[in-house]
Protein backbone atom coordinates (compact mmCIF):
# COMPACT_ATOMS: atom_id res chain seq x y z
CA UNK A 1 -44.97 -32.76 3.82
CA UNK A 2 -41.44 -32.22 6.36
CA UNK A 3 -40.42 -35.24 7.96
CA UNK A 4 -40.54 -34.93 11.98
CA UNK A 5 -37.19 -35.06 13.09
CA UNK A 6 -35.70 -37.85 15.46
CA UNK A 7 -32.39 -36.28 15.97
CA UNK A 8 -30.43 -33.12 15.94
CA UNK A 9 -27.25 -32.57 15.85
CA UNK A 10 -25.85 -29.19 16.35
CA UNK A 11 -23.73 -26.71 15.57
CA UNK A 12 -20.50 -28.84 14.50
CA UNK A 13 -17.53 -28.70 12.30
CA UNK A 14 -19.39 -30.38 9.35
CA UNK A 15 -16.49 -32.58 6.82
CA UNK A 16 -18.92 -32.38 3.33
CA UNK A 17 -17.72 -33.33 0.10
CA UNK A 18 -15.46 -30.52 -0.86
CA UNK A 19 -15.51 -28.33 2.10
CA UNK A 20 -15.90 -28.35 6.37
CA UNK A 21 -18.85 -25.58 7.28
CA UNK A 22 -20.44 -25.19 10.91
CA UNK A 23 -23.84 -26.80 10.47
CA UNK A 24 -26.84 -28.42 12.55
CA UNK A 25 -27.58 -31.74 10.79
CA UNK A 26 -31.89 -33.16 10.74
CA UNK A 27 -32.12 -37.01 10.68
CA UNK A 28 -35.82 -38.86 10.64
CA UNK A 29 -36.11 -42.21 10.43
CA UNK A 30 -31.86 -42.92 9.80
CA UNK A 31 -31.82 -40.65 7.49
CA UNK A 32 -29.96 -36.97 6.84
CA UNK A 33 -32.81 -34.94 5.82
CA UNK A 34 -31.66 -30.80 6.69
CA UNK A 35 -28.63 -30.14 6.94
CA UNK A 36 -28.82 -25.89 7.73
CA UNK A 37 -26.81 -22.94 10.14
CA UNK A 38 -29.71 -23.86 12.76
CA UNK A 39 -32.52 -25.90 12.39
CA UNK A 40 -35.74 -25.87 14.67
CA UNK A 41 -37.10 -29.11 16.55
CA UNK A 42 -39.71 -30.34 18.89
CA UNK A 43 -39.41 -33.06 20.80
CA UNK A 44 -36.53 -34.75 18.90
CA UNK A 45 -33.49 -35.71 20.37
CA UNK A 46 -30.58 -32.66 20.41
CA UNK A 47 -26.53 -33.59 20.43
CA UNK A 48 -24.25 -30.22 20.93
CA UNK A 49 -21.53 -31.01 18.88
CA UNK A 50 -19.63 -27.71 19.46
CA UNK A 51 -16.37 -27.84 19.07
CA UNK A 52 -16.76 -31.46 17.45
CA UNK A 53 -15.74 -32.55 13.61
CA UNK A 54 -18.53 -34.57 12.40
CA UNK A 55 -17.61 -36.54 9.61
CA UNK A 56 -19.59 -39.36 7.00
CA UNK A 57 -18.77 -42.64 9.35
CA UNK A 58 -15.98 -44.75 7.44
CA UNK A 59 -16.24 -47.08 4.63
CA UNK A 60 -13.85 -49.79 5.21
CA UNK A 61 -13.62 -52.25 1.97
CA UNK A 62 -10.89 -54.50 3.37
CA UNK A 63 -11.80 -56.29 6.97
CA UNK A 64 -11.25 -60.08 8.00
CA UNK A 65 -13.81 -61.60 10.62
CA UNK A 66 -13.11 -64.97 10.09
CA UNK A 67 -16.69 -66.16 10.40
CA UNK A 68 -18.58 -68.35 9.73
CA UNK A 69 -15.97 -70.88 11.89
CA UNK A 70 -12.97 -69.28 12.95
CA UNK A 71 -14.73 -66.10 15.43
CA UNK A 72 -12.62 -66.84 17.50
CA UNK A 73 -10.20 -65.33 15.83
CA UNK A 74 -12.47 -62.06 15.95
CA UNK A 75 -16.03 -62.52 14.94
CA UNK A 76 -19.08 -59.94 13.60
CA UNK A 77 -19.70 -58.71 17.50
CA UNK A 78 -16.03 -57.95 18.44
CA UNK A 79 -14.71 -56.64 15.08
CA UNK A 80 -17.90 -54.58 14.49
CA UNK A 81 -17.66 -53.13 18.39
CA UNK A 82 -14.09 -52.11 17.01
CA UNK A 83 -14.69 -50.91 14.03
CA UNK A 84 -17.75 -48.56 15.93
CA UNK A 85 -15.24 -47.56 18.45
CA UNK A 86 -13.38 -46.17 15.44
CA UNK A 87 -15.54 -44.86 13.49
CA UNK A 88 -16.32 -46.86 11.03
CA UNK A 89 -19.96 -47.33 9.92
CA UNK A 90 -19.92 -49.31 7.42
CA UNK A 91 -17.36 -52.80 6.24
CA UNK A 92 -16.93 -55.62 3.67
CA UNK A 93 -15.85 -58.70 5.00
CA UNK A 94 -13.80 -60.76 2.84
CA UNK A 95 -14.08 -64.30 1.12
CA UNK A 96 -11.27 -65.92 3.59
CA UNK A 97 -9.72 -66.67 6.58
CA UNK A 98 -13.90 -68.48 7.50
CA UNK A 99 -14.29 -71.97 7.36
CA UNK A 100 -16.04 -72.50 4.70
CA UNK A 101 -14.21 -69.59 2.56
CA UNK A 102 -17.22 -68.04 0.43
CA UNK A 103 -16.48 -69.26 -2.53
CA UNK A 104 -20.15 -70.46 -3.14
CA UNK A 105 -23.83 -69.82 -2.35
CA UNK A 106 -23.92 -71.94 0.36
CA UNK A 107 -20.97 -70.57 2.43
CA UNK A 108 -22.42 -67.33 1.37
CA UNK A 109 -25.55 -68.20 3.33
CA UNK A 110 -23.26 -69.71 6.27
CA UNK A 111 -21.58 -66.09 6.44
CA UNK A 112 -24.52 -63.87 6.17
CA UNK A 113 -26.26 -66.44 9.08
CA UNK A 114 -23.66 -65.72 11.52
CA UNK A 115 -23.42 -61.63 10.86
CA UNK A 116 -27.33 -61.32 11.31
CA UNK A 117 -27.76 -59.92 14.82
CA UNK A 118 -24.45 -59.83 15.20
CA UNK A 119 -23.07 -56.55 13.60
CA UNK A 120 -22.90 -53.29 15.73
CA UNK A 121 -22.68 -51.49 12.24
CA UNK A 122 -23.63 -52.08 8.65
CA UNK A 123 -22.12 -54.46 6.31
CA UNK A 124 -21.48 -56.37 3.25
CA UNK A 125 -19.43 -59.39 1.72
CA UNK A 126 -17.17 -60.07 -0.74
CA UNK A 127 -16.92 -63.22 -2.94
CA UNK A 128 -13.77 -65.15 -3.50
CA UNK A 129 -12.10 -65.96 -7.30
CA UNK A 130 -10.08 -69.71 -6.88
CA UNK A 131 -9.13 -72.49 -8.84
CA UNK A 132 -12.19 -74.60 -8.87
CA UNK A 133 -14.97 -71.94 -9.09
CA UNK A 134 -15.35 -70.49 -11.81
CA UNK A 135 -19.07 -71.75 -12.00
CA UNK A 136 -19.65 -70.32 -9.12
CA UNK A 137 -19.24 -66.54 -9.52
CA UNK A 138 -22.60 -66.00 -11.08
CA UNK A 139 -24.25 -67.53 -8.40
CA UNK A 140 -22.34 -65.80 -5.99
CA UNK A 141 -22.92 -62.74 -7.98
CA UNK A 142 -26.93 -62.96 -7.53
CA UNK A 143 -25.92 -63.23 -3.90
CA UNK A 144 -25.93 -60.15 -3.63
CA UNK A 145 -21.94 -59.75 -3.04
CA UNK A 146 -20.36 -55.94 -3.49
CA UNK A 147 -17.47 -57.94 -5.53
CA UNK A 148 -15.17 -61.02 -5.76
CA UNK A 149 -11.38 -60.92 -4.24
CA UNK A 150 -8.41 -62.90 -5.95
CA UNK A 151 -4.50 -63.74 -4.48
CA UNK A 152 -2.14 -63.58 -6.96
CA UNK A 153 0.05 -65.20 -4.37
CA UNK A 154 -0.46 -67.79 -1.51
CA UNK A 155 -2.28 -66.47 1.25
CA UNK A 156 -1.18 -69.46 3.27
CA UNK A 157 -2.86 -71.82 6.02
CA UNK A 158 -3.25 -75.79 5.88
CA UNK A 159 -6.69 -77.85 5.28
CA UNK A 160 -9.29 -78.18 3.02
CA UNK A 161 -11.18 -75.53 3.57
CA UNK A 162 -8.92 -72.74 2.47
CA UNK A 163 -8.59 -70.19 0.57
CA UNK A 164 -6.04 -70.32 -2.30
CA UNK A 165 -4.65 -68.48 -5.30
CA UNK A 166 -5.36 -68.40 -8.66
CA UNK A 167 -2.92 -69.60 -11.66
CA UNK A 168 -2.99 -67.19 -14.42
CA UNK A 169 -5.54 -69.05 -16.59
CA UNK A 170 -8.07 -69.14 -13.61
CA UNK A 171 -7.27 -65.36 -13.05
CA UNK A 172 -7.48 -64.69 -16.77
CA UNK A 173 -11.21 -66.66 -17.26
CA UNK A 174 -12.62 -65.54 -14.09
CA UNK A 175 -11.98 -61.78 -15.17
CA UNK A 176 -13.51 -62.85 -18.67
CA UNK A 177 -16.74 -64.37 -16.63
CA UNK A 178 -16.69 -61.25 -13.43
CA UNK A 179 -16.38 -58.76 -16.91
CA UNK A 180 -19.50 -60.77 -17.93
CA UNK A 181 -21.91 -59.92 -15.25
CA UNK A 182 -20.51 -56.49 -14.53
CA UNK A 183 -18.46 -57.29 -11.43
CA UNK A 184 -15.41 -55.90 -9.59
CA UNK A 185 -12.46 -58.08 -9.12
CA UNK A 186 -10.29 -57.45 -5.56
CA UNK A 187 -6.80 -58.64 -6.01
CA UNK A 188 -4.04 -58.91 -3.49
CA UNK A 189 -0.94 -58.43 -5.74
CA UNK A 190 2.23 -60.22 -4.96
CA UNK A 191 3.58 -62.31 -7.95
CA UNK A 192 3.58 -65.93 -6.15
CA UNK A 193 6.53 -67.38 -8.11
CA UNK A 194 9.04 -64.68 -6.95
CA UNK A 195 7.79 -64.47 -3.40
CA UNK A 196 7.69 -68.47 -2.79
CA UNK A 197 11.26 -68.78 -4.43
CA UNK A 198 12.96 -65.81 -2.62
CA UNK A 199 11.28 -67.16 0.84
CA UNK A 200 12.50 -70.82 0.18
CA UNK A 201 15.83 -69.72 -0.74
CA UNK A 202 16.07 -67.31 2.87
CA UNK A 203 14.64 -70.41 5.00
CA UNK A 204 17.01 -73.05 3.04
CA UNK A 205 19.91 -70.84 3.85
CA UNK A 206 18.24 -70.23 7.62
CA UNK A 207 18.01 -66.58 6.88
CA UNK A 208 14.81 -66.13 9.14
CA UNK A 209 14.56 -62.66 10.47
CA UNK A 210 11.89 -59.61 9.82
CA UNK A 211 14.50 -58.29 7.21
CA UNK A 212 14.66 -61.36 5.43
CA UNK A 213 10.85 -61.62 5.56
CA UNK A 214 10.61 -58.31 3.77
CA UNK A 215 13.59 -58.66 1.28
CA UNK A 216 11.80 -61.99 0.71
CA UNK A 217 8.80 -59.97 -0.74
CA UNK A 218 10.06 -56.93 -3.06
CA UNK A 219 8.41 -54.17 -4.66
CA UNK A 220 9.47 -55.94 -7.69
CA UNK A 221 7.10 -59.31 -6.59
CA UNK A 222 3.91 -56.06 -6.51
CA UNK A 223 5.03 -54.73 -9.80
CA UNK A 224 4.79 -57.92 -11.50
CA UNK A 225 1.78 -58.82 -10.28
CA UNK A 226 -0.03 -55.20 -10.80
CA UNK A 227 1.44 -55.51 -14.08
CA UNK A 228 0.03 -58.80 -15.39
CA UNK A 229 -3.70 -57.83 -13.86
CA UNK A 230 -3.63 -54.72 -15.75
CA UNK A 231 -2.72 -56.63 -19.26
CA UNK A 232 -5.84 -59.47 -18.61
CA UNK A 233 -8.06 -56.50 -17.59
CA UNK A 234 -7.14 -54.46 -20.63
CA UNK A 235 -7.75 -57.66 -22.16
CA UNK A 236 -11.34 -58.82 -20.84
CA UNK A 237 -12.39 -55.60 -20.15
CA UNK A 238 -13.11 -56.92 -16.05
CA UNK A 239 -13.00 -53.71 -13.49
CA UNK A 240 -10.62 -54.29 -11.03
CA UNK A 241 -9.40 -53.14 -7.77
CA UNK A 242 -6.26 -53.48 -6.30
CA UNK A 243 -5.79 -54.20 -2.32
CA UNK A 244 -3.46 -52.83 -0.29
CA UNK A 245 -0.84 -51.41 -2.04
CA UNK A 246 2.28 -50.88 -0.48
CA UNK A 247 4.42 -48.49 -3.19
CA UNK A 248 4.12 -45.38 -5.13
CA UNK A 249 5.81 -47.51 -8.42
CA UNK A 250 2.73 -49.43 -8.15
CA UNK A 251 0.65 -46.55 -7.86
CA UNK A 252 2.05 -45.14 -10.86
CA UNK A 253 1.86 -48.32 -13.30
CA UNK A 254 -2.10 -48.23 -12.01
CA UNK A 255 -2.42 -44.26 -12.82
CA UNK A 256 -1.21 -45.13 -16.19
CA UNK A 257 -3.57 -47.81 -16.79
CA UNK A 258 -6.61 -45.43 -15.68
CA UNK A 259 -4.60 -42.66 -18.80
CA UNK A 260 -5.51 -45.54 -20.96
CA UNK A 261 -9.62 -46.06 -19.87
CA UNK A 262 -8.89 -49.00 -17.79
CA UNK A 263 -11.26 -49.04 -15.01
CA UNK A 264 -8.88 -49.68 -12.21
CA UNK A 265 -9.43 -48.28 -8.39
CA UNK A 266 -6.65 -49.31 -5.27
CA UNK A 267 -6.74 -49.01 -1.61
CA UNK A 268 -3.39 -48.36 0.69
CA UNK A 269 -3.37 -49.07 4.26
CA UNK A 270 -2.84 -46.84 7.47
CA UNK A 271 0.04 -49.43 8.18
CA UNK A 272 1.95 -48.41 5.12
CA UNK A 273 1.38 -44.70 5.92
CA UNK A 274 2.23 -45.00 9.27
CA UNK A 275 5.18 -47.82 9.85
CA UNK A 276 8.21 -48.37 8.13
CA UNK A 277 10.09 -51.79 7.57
CA UNK A 278 12.01 -51.30 10.93
CA UNK A 279 8.98 -51.25 12.71
CA UNK A 280 8.76 -54.81 11.44
CA UNK A 281 12.17 -55.32 13.08
CA UNK A 282 11.59 -53.79 16.09
CA UNK A 283 8.27 -54.34 16.84
CA UNK A 284 8.18 -58.01 15.49
CA UNK A 285 5.60 -60.21 13.84
CA UNK A 286 2.68 -57.98 15.65
CA UNK A 287 3.43 -55.78 12.48
CA UNK A 288 4.31 -58.47 9.97
CA UNK A 289 1.71 -58.25 6.62
CA UNK A 290 2.19 -58.92 3.01
CA UNK A 291 2.79 -56.96 0.86
CA UNK A 292 5.74 -56.06 4.17
CA UNK A 293 5.99 -52.80 5.56
CA UNK A 294 8.37 -50.57 3.06
CA UNK A 295 11.03 -47.58 3.68
CA UNK A 296 11.09 -44.07 4.50
CA UNK A 297 11.54 -42.84 0.82
CA UNK A 298 8.59 -45.18 -0.25
CA UNK A 299 6.25 -44.03 2.39
CA UNK A 300 6.72 -40.41 2.04
CA UNK A 301 6.07 -41.26 -1.75
CA UNK A 302 2.74 -42.40 -0.45
CA UNK A 303 1.61 -39.59 1.09
CA UNK A 304 2.61 -37.14 -1.75
CA UNK A 305 0.42 -39.46 -3.67
CA UNK A 306 -2.45 -39.41 -0.93
CA UNK A 307 -2.36 -35.67 -1.16
CA UNK A 308 -2.39 -35.49 -4.96
CA UNK A 309 -5.29 -37.74 -4.89
CA UNK A 310 -3.75 -40.25 -6.31
CA UNK A 311 -4.55 -42.84 -3.72
CA UNK A 312 -8.53 -43.57 -4.45
CA UNK A 313 -9.45 -45.04 -0.62
CA UNK A 314 -7.97 -46.16 2.65
CA UNK A 315 -8.58 -49.52 4.26
CA UNK A 316 -7.70 -51.04 7.05
CA UNK A 317 -7.17 -54.79 6.32
CA UNK A 318 -7.83 -55.43 9.60
CA UNK A 319 -6.13 -59.35 9.81
CA UNK A 320 -6.86 -60.65 13.25
CA UNK A 321 -5.79 -64.11 15.08
CA UNK A 322 -4.38 -65.36 18.34
CA UNK A 323 -1.95 -63.35 19.80
CA UNK A 324 -0.32 -66.39 20.27
CA UNK A 325 0.07 -66.88 16.71
CA UNK A 326 2.33 -63.33 16.36
CA UNK A 327 4.78 -65.86 18.63
CA UNK A 328 7.65 -66.65 17.10
CA UNK A 329 9.72 -68.70 19.51
CA UNK A 330 11.87 -70.30 17.53
CA UNK A 331 13.29 -66.92 15.79
CA UNK A 332 11.53 -67.66 12.37
CA UNK A 333 9.63 -64.82 11.23
CA UNK A 334 8.37 -66.73 8.12
CA UNK A 335 6.06 -69.00 10.61
CA UNK A 336 4.25 -66.17 12.37
CA UNK A 337 0.92 -65.17 11.18
CA UNK A 338 1.02 -62.28 8.53
CA UNK A 339 -1.52 -59.47 9.12
CA UNK A 340 -2.27 -56.62 10.89
CA UNK A 341 -5.04 -56.07 13.52
CA UNK A 342 -5.72 -52.02 13.38
CA UNK A 343 -9.28 -51.23 12.09
CA UNK A 344 -10.25 -49.64 15.26
CA UNK A 345 -7.44 -46.68 14.48
CA UNK A 346 -7.90 -46.25 11.00
CA UNK A 347 -10.01 -42.81 11.49
CA UNK A 348 -8.05 -41.46 13.99
CA UNK A 349 -4.14 -42.70 12.57
CA UNK A 350 -5.47 -40.57 8.93
CA UNK A 351 -6.79 -37.91 11.02
CA UNK A 352 -3.35 -37.76 13.37
CA UNK A 353 -0.94 -38.51 10.52
CA UNK A 354 -3.30 -36.98 7.86
CA UNK A 355 -4.51 -34.04 8.87
CA UNK A 356 -2.06 -32.75 11.89
CA UNK A 357 0.88 -33.55 10.88
CA UNK A 358 0.36 -33.40 7.35
CA UNK A 359 -2.11 -30.56 6.76
CA UNK A 360 -4.37 -32.89 4.74
CA UNK A 361 -7.37 -31.49 4.31
CA UNK A 362 -10.49 -32.86 6.21
CA UNK A 363 -12.64 -33.62 2.98
CA UNK A 364 -9.51 -35.07 1.40
CA UNK A 365 -9.05 -37.54 4.23
CA UNK A 366 -12.66 -38.29 4.09
CA UNK A 367 -13.19 -38.65 0.49
CA UNK A 368 -10.52 -41.97 0.98
CA UNK A 369 -12.26 -43.34 4.03
CA UNK A 370 -15.65 -42.62 3.47
CA UNK A 371 -16.69 -41.52 -0.04
CA UNK A 372 -15.05 -43.34 -2.81
CA UNK A 373 -15.15 -46.73 -0.98
CA UNK A 374 -18.89 -46.06 -1.21
CA UNK A 375 -19.06 -44.81 -4.86
CA UNK A 376 -16.83 -47.85 -6.14
CA UNK A 377 -18.90 -50.59 -5.16
CA UNK A 378 -22.47 -49.54 -5.11
CA UNK A 379 -23.11 -48.12 -1.43
CA UNK A 380 -23.31 -44.94 -2.49
CA UNK A 381 -25.40 -42.44 -2.07
CA UNK A 382 -26.51 -44.10 0.92
CA UNK A 383 -23.24 -44.23 2.61
CA UNK A 384 -20.21 -42.27 2.41
CA UNK A 385 -21.63 -39.00 2.80
CA UNK A 386 -23.22 -36.28 4.71
CA UNK A 387 -25.74 -35.45 2.34
CA UNK A 388 -29.64 -34.87 1.96
CA UNK A 389 -31.08 -38.42 2.33
CA UNK A 390 -28.18 -40.35 2.74
CA UNK A 391 -28.19 -42.74 6.32
CA UNK A 392 -27.24 -40.65 8.93
CA UNK A 393 -23.84 -42.54 9.31
CA UNK A 394 -22.07 -39.64 11.75
CA UNK A 395 -18.49 -39.53 13.54
CA UNK A 396 -17.91 -36.72 16.12
CA UNK A 397 -14.33 -36.63 16.26
CA UNK A 398 -12.18 -34.20 19.11
CA UNK A 399 -9.51 -32.91 16.91
CA UNK A 400 -7.78 -31.10 20.38
CA UNK A 401 -7.61 -34.34 21.98
CA UNK A 402 -4.94 -36.49 22.79
CA UNK A 403 -3.96 -39.94 23.97
CA UNK A 404 -1.92 -43.18 24.31
CA UNK A 405 -3.35 -45.93 22.69
CA UNK A 406 -3.90 -48.78 25.30
CA UNK A 407 -4.48 -52.46 25.62
CA UNK A 408 -7.83 -51.71 27.44
CA UNK A 409 -8.71 -48.91 24.46
CA UNK A 410 -8.97 -51.81 22.16
CA UNK A 411 -12.16 -53.96 21.44
CA UNK A 412 -10.97 -56.34 19.16
CA UNK A 413 -11.18 -60.26 20.71
CA UNK A 414 -7.41 -60.67 20.74
CA UNK A 415 -5.84 -56.82 22.18
CA UNK A 416 -2.35 -56.63 20.24
CA UNK A 417 -1.79 -53.90 17.17
CA UNK A 418 1.31 -52.21 16.35
CA UNK A 419 -0.16 -48.88 17.25
CA UNK A 420 -0.47 -49.73 21.20
CA UNK A 421 1.55 -46.82 23.33
CA UNK A 422 1.37 -43.98 20.54
CA UNK A 423 -0.09 -40.95 20.77
CA UNK A 424 -2.99 -40.17 18.46
CA UNK A 425 -4.03 -36.21 18.59
CA UNK A 426 -7.39 -37.16 18.00
CA UNK A 427 -10.44 -38.79 19.42
CA UNK A 428 -13.51 -40.48 18.17
CA UNK A 429 -16.39 -39.34 20.59
CA UNK A 430 -19.67 -40.84 18.90
CA UNK A 431 -20.50 -42.93 16.00
CA UNK A 432 -23.87 -42.82 14.52
CA UNK A 433 -25.06 -45.54 12.59
CA UNK A 434 -28.09 -44.79 10.82
CA UNK A 435 -29.04 -42.02 13.39
CA UNK A 436 -28.12 -44.72 16.36
CA UNK A 437 -26.20 -43.85 19.01
CA UNK A 438 -23.44 -47.39 18.53
CA UNK A 439 -20.55 -45.88 20.12
CA UNK A 440 -20.08 -42.81 23.38
CA UNK A 441 -16.64 -42.21 24.53
CA UNK A 442 -16.54 -42.97 28.16
CA UNK A 443 -19.60 -45.61 28.71
CA UNK A 444 -17.83 -48.31 29.93
CA UNK A 445 -16.35 -50.28 26.42
CA UNK A 446 -18.45 -47.33 24.96
CA UNK A 447 -20.75 -49.73 22.67
CA UNK A 448 -24.29 -49.09 22.39
CA UNK A 449 -26.68 -52.35 22.77
CA UNK A 450 -28.58 -54.05 20.74
CA UNK A 451 -26.50 -55.01 17.57
CA UNK A 452 -28.54 -53.76 14.93
CA UNK A 453 -26.19 -53.10 12.19
CA UNK A 454 -28.02 -54.46 8.86
CA UNK A 455 -26.28 -56.27 5.72
CA UNK A 456 -26.64 -53.99 2.69
CA UNK A 457 -27.52 -56.79 0.20
CA UNK A 458 -30.15 -57.33 -1.62
CA UNK A 459 -33.40 -55.95 -0.18
């Protein structure tokens, strides 16, 4: 017997896995149950999407919301609201920058409690691999994490409750354990010996500018770390995912590894596709990140790799902090907090730069934003695609709209972003999470109460 429809979204240009079609979408109990040119319904809510494009909600597998303990930097409420306003309906929160970091079951439970009833969209969590927690990995996996995260260079920070980089033995042994439990390891791949020595030399010599910071983290450091991790993966059989890859050379190494049968994926971020090294110099620490922004040649090559399907997914690496931590009063760029606040703009940036400026097909952009991350981290077929029996996570976008991003548009706790003042030739109009409207453009700040996002871990 056909279920009674709760919602029909009518006559939008629906972005499917391989095509765009003018369709109605029928929703019942939070699931997509009908896709047709015309759907009849009685006593159901009807939304006119004529002239709009309907995409699957973004699945952002790389955000830092800093809870528990550092919710003053962002928090699940403001972070998830920002994502909803940007067309993201699922996120995976990283294990670091919370106090404590998510490196054992007790810390995981604290994070889960902090998120409950405070997220506007659905969520999952990463666990951490660091020196000293090898015996915690299996228990963390049993908690319901999507995978593990490790740093091959120092993530920075002071104190006891910070996330620390792995040494080579911990990385190798961690990969062995993660492979044994069928897990996946995400890696920040920069060589600590290279970047730390170059940074020390630069600081000692008084070379403290943004340009000096960029030169202290060369592409060589990314390539060395990627090579080393791929070697360990081949030895251990561990599945790998490389986060925020910044160079086409690193993508080439990972592509070669795929060809010999390694189970490995990569993401890049909107900032590597839309900002340049010179922007880090002109905008200042608002645009500071690691790996740093690269040059025009590298960015053009990354876009070509996007077009050719060699970039698996796009993630924001949203890394917020109080705006005061982005100030460099003593002109020492090395001391400013590294991390870009940009998650609210990810989908619009990719549509603006990818679709409008470079004519990349919408299904390909949607695959990188939604389908591929959902598939890689065990969230598909529930998430990532407009398909029958998938969650009704839907984003209505006006591809003919144009606006200038202002502070008043941002829902972050700290309203700084390197994209402020940028003209975007598209705009998210509505975001639906499991058939519930969570964001509506033009209604105050747009967020619809209450915060009803759900954890996507174990039932």
